[in-house]
Each structure stands twice: as C-alpha cells, then as structure tokens.
Amino acid sequence: SENERATLPSCEGKTFTVDPVQLSFVTSITPTGSMHASGVPDYAVIKVVGSGELNKYDLVAPGDVYITHIVQETGVSADSDDATIYFALCKDVIGYVTHVKELSPSIYKMVTDSVCFGKPHVGANACLIQKLELISRGSLLGRVGRIEGSFGFGVIDLRKERGLSNASQYAVKTNFAACPLAYLANSTGFYDKLVNPND
C-alpha cells in the first residue's frame, strides 16, 4: 500500500550490494520478455550450472531488503514447486526472483504464518501473501536450479516508466520494468554472461 511504501527508505544511492547467486554458478543470462519500444526487457533469465533434482544453488537477498510478496505455484515448470519472491530495496525499487525451487526456513515461515497458507496464490480466487519484513543482505531466500536449471531476476523501478503504447493494458511490473543488472553494485561479471549483450 502507499502507506507502507512511505515507510521505506529513500532510493538515493541504493543498489544491490550482494550477488543474488554466486557468479561462478551462472552459465548464461538472457534478457527475456517483450522488449517493446523502450529497448528494456521485462526481466533476465539466469541459467545455472547443470540441471537435476540435486542441482540446487543458494539464492540470497541482494541487499538489505523488505520482503513484500511471496507466490507459490505448482505445475509451471519441470519441477513440482516454484515460488516468486518480491522484495523492496527502497520506496521505488522492487526486485523479484522467479522459479525459486526451495524456500529458506525464514521465508517459508512467512508463508506458513500467513492466512494464505495452503490456499491458491494465483488466479481468480488468489490469496496474496503480503509482508513488509526487513531481511539483511546475504540472508538466504531459498534455492534455485533443480531440473529447470534457471531462475528469473527482475526489477521494477517506479521512477522510470517505460512509455509503452497502451500502457493501461500492462501490469505495473511491465510498465516499470528496468534492467536488473544495472542495479547490481558488482554487475560486470553478470554482464559478461549475457547471451545477447547488445539487447
């Protein structure tokens, strides 16, 4: 809500100071989604080493962030369970990671403590797990990889509307999508993994 947003810190000088996943585990990064006229992709797909039931890699909070929303789904990938975690860096910048295969104990507790535990988190009758809980940079969010072997990383920057045609047809997540790598303090190694570095 706007009231909750007002309690978040200013975005002045804020970046993600910790890599969300260890760079040595990343094999490639692909800009994904509709590029639209803005030239900015919706988010990045980060592919990790190997794929299989036992191939799981730690995903950590890329900064001191506030968990705002958790979505659990089934049947959306080759793996049985997937989750999306949204986290606010500051008033105007929200990051998110998709296809999280296993939630950390602290994030899972946020789910089980919610009235939405065991209820659908998507669709017409969705019960939304909404939080505003601060976690420290480097804290474990969960694990990614497994059979799918990749996860999504995106950023929404409410200061930077993309100027899309028919903007009202798109969600905030699309209208204000920003290049997630640009928000990483140590982004050079990640840019080097881009499959299409000119996109």
C-alpha atoms as a PDB file:
ATOM      1  CA  SER A   1       0.000   0.000   0.000  1.00  0.00           C
ATOM      2  CA  GLU A   2       1.040   3.635  -0.307  1.00  0.00           C
ATOM      3  CA  ASN A   3       1.152   3.915   3.489  1.00  0.00           C
ATOM      4  CA  GLU A   4       3.618   1.040   3.705  1.00  0.00           C
ATOM      5  CA  ARG A   5       5.636   2.404   0.791  1.00  0.00           C
ATOM      6  CA  ALA A   6       6.004   5.691   2.680  1.00  0.00           C
ATOM      7  CA  THR A   7       7.817   3.857   5.493  1.00  0.00           C
ATOM      8  CA  LEU A   8      10.541   2.550   3.164  1.00  0.00           C
ATOM      9  CA  PRO A   9      13.912   4.322   2.831  1.00  0.00           C
ATOM     10  CA  SER A  10      14.784   6.739   0.032  1.00  0.00           C
ATOM     11  CA  CYS A  11      16.308   5.230  -3.119  1.00  0.00           C
ATOM     12  CA  GLU A  12      19.131   7.776  -3.256  1.00  0.00           C
ATOM     13  CA  GLY A  13      22.370   5.863  -3.822  1.00  0.00           C
ATOM     14  CA  LYS A  14      20.735   2.474  -3.266  1.00  0.00           C
ATOM     15  CA  THR A  15      21.956  -0.602  -5.167  1.00  0.00           C
ATOM     16  CA  PHE A  16      22.018  -4.345  -4.623  1.00  0.00           C
ATOM     17  CA  THR A  17      25.411  -4.882  -2.996  1.00  0.00           C
ATOM     18  CA  VAL A  18      25.401  -8.696  -2.912  1.00  0.00           C
ATOM     19  CA  ASP A  19      25.166 -11.076  -5.873  1.00  0.00           C
ATOM     20  CA  PRO A  20      21.821 -12.938  -5.677  1.00  0.00           C
ATOM     21  CA  VAL A  21      23.577 -16.163  -6.640  1.00  0.00           C
ATOM     22  CA  GLN A  22      27.286 -16.972  -6.710  1.00  0.00           C
ATOM     23  CA  LEU A  23      28.595 -15.821 -10.087  1.00  0.00           C
ATOM     24  CA  SER A  24      30.660 -18.987 -10.617  1.00  0.00           C
ATOM     25  CA  PHE A  25      27.411 -20.978 -10.759  1.00  0.00           C
ATOM     26  CA  VAL A  26      25.975 -18.817 -13.576  1.00  0.00           C
ATOM     27  CA  THR A  27      26.482 -20.059 -17.142  1.00  0.00           C
ATOM     28  CA  SER A  28      24.409 -17.510 -19.083  1.00  0.00           C
ATOM     29  CA  ILE A  29      21.939 -14.651 -18.713  1.00  0.00           C
ATOM     30  CA  THR A  30      19.223 -13.985 -21.288  1.00  0.00           C
ATOM     31  CA  PRO A  31      17.112 -10.801 -21.471  1.00  0.00           C
ATOM     32  CA  THR A  32      13.548 -12.055 -21.643  1.00  0.00           C
ATOM     33  CA  GLY A  33      10.059 -10.783 -22.292  1.00  0.00           C
ATOM     34  CA  SER A  34       8.725  -8.211 -24.679  1.00  0.00           C
ATOM     35  CA  MET A  35      11.336  -5.537 -25.388  1.00  0.00           C
ATOM     36  CA  HIS A  36       8.685  -3.010 -26.503  1.00  0.00           C
ATOM     37  CA  ALA A  37       9.833   0.366 -27.835  1.00  0.00           C
ATOM     38  CA  SER A  38      11.792   1.095 -24.649  1.00  0.00           C
ATOM     39  CA  GLY A  39      14.509  -1.402 -25.522  1.00  0.00           C
ATOM     40  CA  VAL A  40      14.370  -2.767 -21.960  1.00  0.00           C
ATOM     41  CA  PRO A  41      13.495  -6.461 -21.451  1.00  0.00           C
ATOM     42  CA  ASP A  42      10.935  -7.431 -18.842  1.00  0.00           C
ATOM     43  CA  TYR A  43      13.472  -9.412 -16.789  1.00  0.00           C
ATOM     44  CA  ALA A  44      16.539 -11.659 -17.076  1.00  0.00           C
ATOM     45  CA  VAL A  45      16.679 -15.452 -17.075  1.00  0.00           C
ATOM     46  CA  ILE A  46      19.784 -16.643 -15.244  1.00  0.00           C
ATOM     47  CA  LYS A  47      20.897 -20.153 -16.150  1.00  0.00           C
ATOM     48  CA  VAL A  48      22.927 -22.076 -13.576  1.00  0.00           C
ATOM     49  CA  VAL A  49      25.332 -24.995 -13.828  1.00  0.00           C
ATOM     50  CA  GLY A  50      23.689 -28.338 -14.568  1.00  0.00           C
ATOM     51  CA  SER A  51      20.128 -29.459 -14.054  1.00  0.00           C
ATOM     52  CA  GLY A  52      18.687 -32.230 -11.947  1.00  0.00           C
ATOM     53  CA  GLU A  53      16.976 -32.965  -8.652  1.00  0.00           C
ATOM     54  CA  LEU A  54      20.165 -32.371  -6.668  1.00  0.00           C
ATOM     55  CA  ASN A  55      21.358 -29.267  -8.526  1.00  0.00           C
ATOM     56  CA  LYS A  56      20.285 -26.517  -6.131  1.00  0.00           C
ATOM     57  CA  TYR A  57      22.111 -23.261  -5.510  1.00  0.00           C
ATOM     58  CA  ASP A  58      21.731 -20.729  -2.714  1.00  0.00           C
ATOM     59  CA  LEU A  59      19.757 -17.602  -3.577  1.00  0.00           C
ATOM     60  CA  VAL A  60      20.396 -14.721  -1.193  1.00  0.00           C
ATOM     61  CA  ALA A  61      18.985 -11.269  -0.524  1.00  0.00           C
ATOM     62  CA  PRO A  62      20.997  -8.917  -2.754  1.00  0.00           C
ATOM     63  CA  GLY A  63      20.813  -6.123  -0.175  1.00  0.00           C
ATOM     64  CA  ASP A  64      19.037  -5.075   2.994  1.00  0.00           C
ATOM     65  CA  VAL A  65      15.543  -5.535   1.557  1.00  0.00           C
ATOM     66  CA  TYR A  66      11.940  -5.775   2.665  1.00  0.00           C
ATOM     67  CA  ILE A  67      10.068  -8.925   1.656  1.00  0.00           C
ATOM     68  CA  THR A  68       6.757  -7.699   0.223  1.00  0.00           C
ATOM     69  CA  HIS A  69       5.070 -10.617  -1.520  1.00  0.00           C
ATOM     70  CA  ILE A  70       5.514 -14.391  -1.884  1.00  0.00           C
ATOM     71  CA  VAL A  71       3.760 -16.522  -4.501  1.00  0.00           C
ATOM     72  CA  GLN A  72       3.852 -20.326  -4.602  1.00  0.00           C
ATOM     73  CA  GLU A  73       2.729 -22.257  -7.682  1.00  0.00           C
ATOM     74  CA  THR A  74       2.723 -25.816  -8.955  1.00  0.00           C
ATOM     75  CA  GLY A  75       2.899 -27.148 -12.492  1.00  0.00           C
ATOM     76  CA  VAL A  76       4.559 -24.111 -14.093  1.00  0.00           C
ATOM     77  CA  SER A  77       7.891 -25.799 -14.835  1.00  0.00           C
ATOM     78  CA  ALA A  78       9.535 -29.222 -14.983  1.00  0.00           C
ATOM     79  CA  ASP A  79       9.800 -29.066 -11.194  1.00  0.00           C
ATOM     80  CA  SER A  80       6.835 -29.712  -8.920  1.00  0.00           C
ATOM     81  CA  ASP A  81       7.020 -26.453  -6.983  1.00  0.00           C
ATOM     82  CA  ASP A  82       8.011 -22.902  -7.852  1.00  0.00           C
ATOM     83  CA  ALA A  83       7.898 -19.668  -5.899  1.00  0.00           C
ATOM     84  CA  THR A  84       8.315 -15.983  -6.687  1.00  0.00           C
ATOM     85  CA  ILE A  85       9.673 -13.633  -4.024  1.00  0.00           C
ATOM     86  CA  TYR A  86       9.288  -9.842  -4.258  1.00  0.00           C
ATOM     87  CA  PHE A  87      11.476  -7.531  -2.174  1.00  0.00           C
ATOM     88  CA  ALA A  88      11.717  -3.749  -1.903  1.00  0.00           C
ATOM     89  CA  LEU A  89      15.148  -2.134  -1.860  1.00  0.00           C
ATOM     90  CA  CYS A  90      13.600   1.286  -1.187  1.00  0.00           C
ATOM     91  CA  LYS A  91      10.436   3.303  -1.879  1.00  0.00           C
ATOM     92  CA  ASP A  92      10.609   2.986  -5.659  1.00  0.00           C
ATOM     93  CA  VAL A  93      12.705  -0.081  -6.463  1.00  0.00           C
ATOM     94  CA  ILE A  94      11.270  -3.583  -6.115  1.00  0.00           C
ATOM     95  CA  GLY A  95      13.233  -6.657  -7.113  1.00  0.00           C
ATOM     96  CA  TYR A  96      11.864 -10.128  -7.658  1.00  0.00           C
ATOM     97  CA  VAL A  97      13.095 -13.644  -8.321  1.00  0.00           C
ATOM     98  CA  THR A  98      11.030 -16.335 -10.024  1.00  0.00           C
ATOM     99  CA  HIS A  99      11.281 -20.139 -10.147  1.00  0.00           C
ATOM    100  CA  VAL A 100      12.673 -20.461  -6.645  1.00  0.00           C
ATOM    101  CA  LYS A 101      12.622 -24.204  -6.033  1.00  0.00           C
ATOM    102  CA  GLU A 102      13.004 -24.297  -2.276  1.00  0.00           C
ATOM    103  CA  LEU A 103      12.250 -21.548   0.251  1.00  0.00           C
ATOM    104  CA  SER A 104      14.605 -20.874   3.144  1.00  0.00           C
ATOM    105  CA  PRO A 105      13.226 -21.681   6.616  1.00  0.00           C
ATOM    106  CA  SER A 106      12.674 -17.974   7.397  1.00  0.00           C
ATOM    107  CA  ILE A 107      10.843 -17.282   4.112  1.00  0.00           C
ATOM    108  CA  TYR A 108       8.822 -20.482   4.426  1.00  0.00           C
ATOM    109  CA  LYS A 109       7.779 -19.408   7.930  1.00  0.00           C
ATOM    110  CA  MET A 110       6.359 -16.213   6.408  1.00  0.00           C
ATOM    111  CA  VAL A 111       4.234 -18.464   4.207  1.00  0.00           C
ATOM    112  CA  THR A 112       3.070 -20.821   6.965  1.00  0.00           C
ATOM    113  CA  ASP A 113       2.301 -17.900   9.295  1.00  0.00           C
ATOM    114  CA  SER A 114       0.086 -16.330   6.631  1.00  0.00           C
ATOM    115  CA  VAL A 115      -3.678 -16.823   6.430  1.00  0.00           C
ATOM    116  CA  CYS A 116      -2.972 -17.760   2.795  1.00  0.00           C
ATOM    117  CA  PHE A 117      -1.018 -20.896   3.682  1.00  0.00           C
ATOM    118  CA  GLY A 118      -2.476 -23.811   1.727  1.00  0.00           C
ATOM    119  CA  LYS A 119      -4.641 -21.551  -0.438  1.00  0.00           C
ATOM    120  CA  PRO A 120      -4.041 -20.678  -4.125  1.00  0.00           C
ATOM    121  CA  HIS A 121      -1.757 -17.665  -4.589  1.00  0.00           C
ATOM    122  CA  VAL A 122      -2.670 -17.038  -8.235  1.00  0.00           C
ATOM    123  CA  GLY A 123      -5.859 -16.976 -10.274  1.00  0.00           C
ATOM    124  CA  ALA A 124      -9.339 -15.586  -9.704  1.00  0.00           C
ATOM    125  CA  ASN A 125      -9.503 -16.588  -6.036  1.00  0.00           C
ATOM    126  CA  ALA A 126      -5.887 -15.806  -5.191  1.00  0.00           C
ATOM    127  CA  CYS A 127      -4.950 -15.261  -1.565  1.00  0.00           C
ATOM    128  CA  LEU A 128      -1.975 -12.887  -1.553  1.00  0.00           C
ATOM    129  CA  ILE A 129       0.868 -13.341   0.910  1.00  0.00           C
ATOM    130  CA  GLN A 130       1.839  -9.732   1.537  1.00  0.00           C
ATOM    131  CA  LYS A 131       4.527  -8.729   4.005  1.00  0.00           C
ATOM    132  CA  LEU A 132       6.815  -5.833   4.846  1.00  0.00           C
ATOM    133  CA  GLU A 133       9.612  -7.590   6.652  1.00  0.00           C
ATOM    134  CA  LEU A 134      13.237  -6.452   6.617  1.00  0.00           C
ATOM    135  CA  ILE A 135      15.927  -9.049   5.985  1.00  0.00           C
ATOM    136  CA  SER A 136      19.664  -8.438   5.886  1.00  0.00           C
ATOM    137  CA  ARG A 137      21.789  -8.586   2.774  1.00  0.00           C
ATOM    138  CA  GLY A 138      23.190 -12.033   2.139  1.00  0.00           C
ATOM    139  CA  SER A 139      20.334 -13.754   4.010  1.00  0.00           C
ATOM    140  CA  LEU A 140      19.221 -16.988   2.403  1.00  0.00           C
ATOM    141  CA  LEU A 141      15.988 -16.618   0.408  1.00  0.00           C
ATOM    142  CA  GLY A 142      15.912 -20.158  -0.934  1.00  0.00           C
ATOM    143  CA  ARG A 143      17.481 -22.332  -3.607  1.00  0.00           C
ATOM    144  CA  VAL A 144      17.271 -22.254  -7.399  1.00  0.00           C
ATOM    145  CA  GLY A 145      18.170 -24.615 -10.211  1.00  0.00           C
ATOM    146  CA  ARG A 146      16.920 -28.197  -9.993  1.00  0.00           C
ATOM    147  CA  ILE A 147      15.512 -29.697 -13.213  1.00  0.00           C
ATOM    148  CA  GLU A 148      14.646 -26.345 -14.798  1.00  0.00           C
ATOM    149  CA  GLY A 149      18.191 -25.123 -14.238  1.00  0.00           C
ATOM    150  CA  SER A 150      17.391 -21.409 -14.262  1.00  0.00           C
ATOM    151  CA  PHE A 151      15.549 -18.619 -12.463  1.00  0.00           C
ATOM    152  CA  GLY A 152      14.230 -15.174 -13.299  1.00  0.00           C
ATOM    153  CA  PHE A 153      15.532 -11.916 -11.856  1.00  0.00           C
ATOM    154  CA  GLY A 154      13.662  -8.672 -12.426  1.00  0.00           C
ATOM    155  CA  VAL A 155      13.444  -5.105 -11.162  1.00  0.00           C
ATOM    156  CA  ILE A 156      10.525  -2.688 -11.078  1.00  0.00           C
ATOM    157  CA  ASP A 157      11.588   0.971 -10.796  1.00  0.00           C
ATOM    158  CA  LEU A 158       8.600   3.220 -10.153  1.00  0.00           C
ATOM    159  CA  ARG A 159      10.685   6.277 -11.093  1.00  0.00           C
ATOM    160  CA  LYS A 160      11.180   5.055 -14.673  1.00  0.00           C
ATOM    161  CA  GLU A 161       8.037   4.443 -16.694  1.00  0.00           C
ATOM    162  CA  ARG A 162       8.870   2.792 -19.997  1.00  0.00           C
ATOM    163  CA  GLY A 163       6.428   4.855 -22.071  1.00  0.00           C
ATOM    164  CA  LEU A 164       4.733   1.832 -23.616  1.00  0.00           C
ATOM    165  CA  SER A 165       1.900   2.239 -26.100  1.00  0.00           C
ATOM    166  CA  ASN A 166      -1.414   1.342 -24.472  1.00  0.00           C
ATOM    167  CA  ALA A 167       0.289   1.302 -21.078  1.00  0.00           C
ATOM    168  CA  SER A 168      -3.021   0.686 -19.324  1.00  0.00           C
ATOM    169  CA  GLN A 169      -3.082  -2.813 -20.842  1.00  0.00           C
ATOM    170  CA  TYR A 170       0.045  -3.802 -18.946  1.00  0.00           C
ATOM    171  CA  ALA A 171       0.752  -4.522 -15.294  1.00  0.00           C
ATOM    172  CA  VAL A 172       2.951  -2.218 -13.216  1.00  0.00           C
ATOM    173  CA  LYS A 173       5.591  -4.947 -13.405  1.00  0.00           C
ATOM    174  CA  THR A 174       5.799  -4.448 -17.189  1.00  0.00           C
ATOM    175  CA  ASN A 175       5.279  -0.672 -17.369  1.00  0.00           C
ATOM    176  CA  PHE A 176       8.118  -0.005 -14.938  1.00  0.00           C
ATOM    177  CA  ALA A 177      10.458  -2.909 -15.773  1.00  0.00           C
ATOM    178  CA  ALA A 178      14.146  -1.989 -15.576  1.00  0.00           C
ATOM    179  CA  CYS A 179      17.334  -3.891 -16.409  1.00  0.00           C
ATOM    180  CA  PRO A 180      18.072  -5.816 -13.181  1.00  0.00           C
ATOM    181  CA  LEU A 181      21.823  -5.998 -13.826  1.00  0.00           C
ATOM    182  CA  ALA A 182      22.004  -2.189 -13.712  1.00  0.00           C
ATOM    183  CA  TYR A 183      21.042  -2.342 -10.017  1.00  0.00           C
ATOM    184  CA  LEU A 184      23.844  -4.728  -9.024  1.00  0.00           C
ATOM    185  CA  ALA A 185      26.837  -2.941  -7.489  1.00  0.00           C
ATOM    186  CA  ASN A 186      29.146  -5.679  -8.816  1.00  0.00           C
ATOM    187  CA  SER A 187      27.493  -6.176 -12.195  1.00  0.00           C
ATOM    188  CA  THR A 188      30.485  -6.604 -14.530  1.00  0.00           C
ATOM    189  CA  GLY A 189      30.696 -10.369 -14.226  1.00  0.00           C
ATOM    190  CA  PHE A 190      26.957 -10.687 -14.794  1.00  0.00           C
ATOM    191  CA  TYR A 191      27.061  -8.529 -17.934  1.00  0.00           C
ATOM    192  CA  ASP A 192      29.849 -10.797 -19.212  1.00  0.00           C
ATOM    193  CA  LYS A 193      27.408 -13.730 -19.048  1.00  0.00           C
ATOM    194  CA  LEU A 194      24.802 -12.050 -21.279  1.00  0.00           C
ATOM    195  CA  VAL A 195      23.795 -14.185 -24.244  1.00  0.00           C
ATOM    196  CA  ASN A 196      22.696 -11.074 -26.176  1.00  0.00           C
ATOM    197  CA  PRO A 197      24.887  -8.303 -24.726  1.00  0.00           C
ATOM    198  CA  ASN A 198      23.581  -5.739 -27.249  1.00  0.00           C
ATOM    199  CA  ASP A 199      19.960  -6.130 -26.100  1.00  0.00           C
END
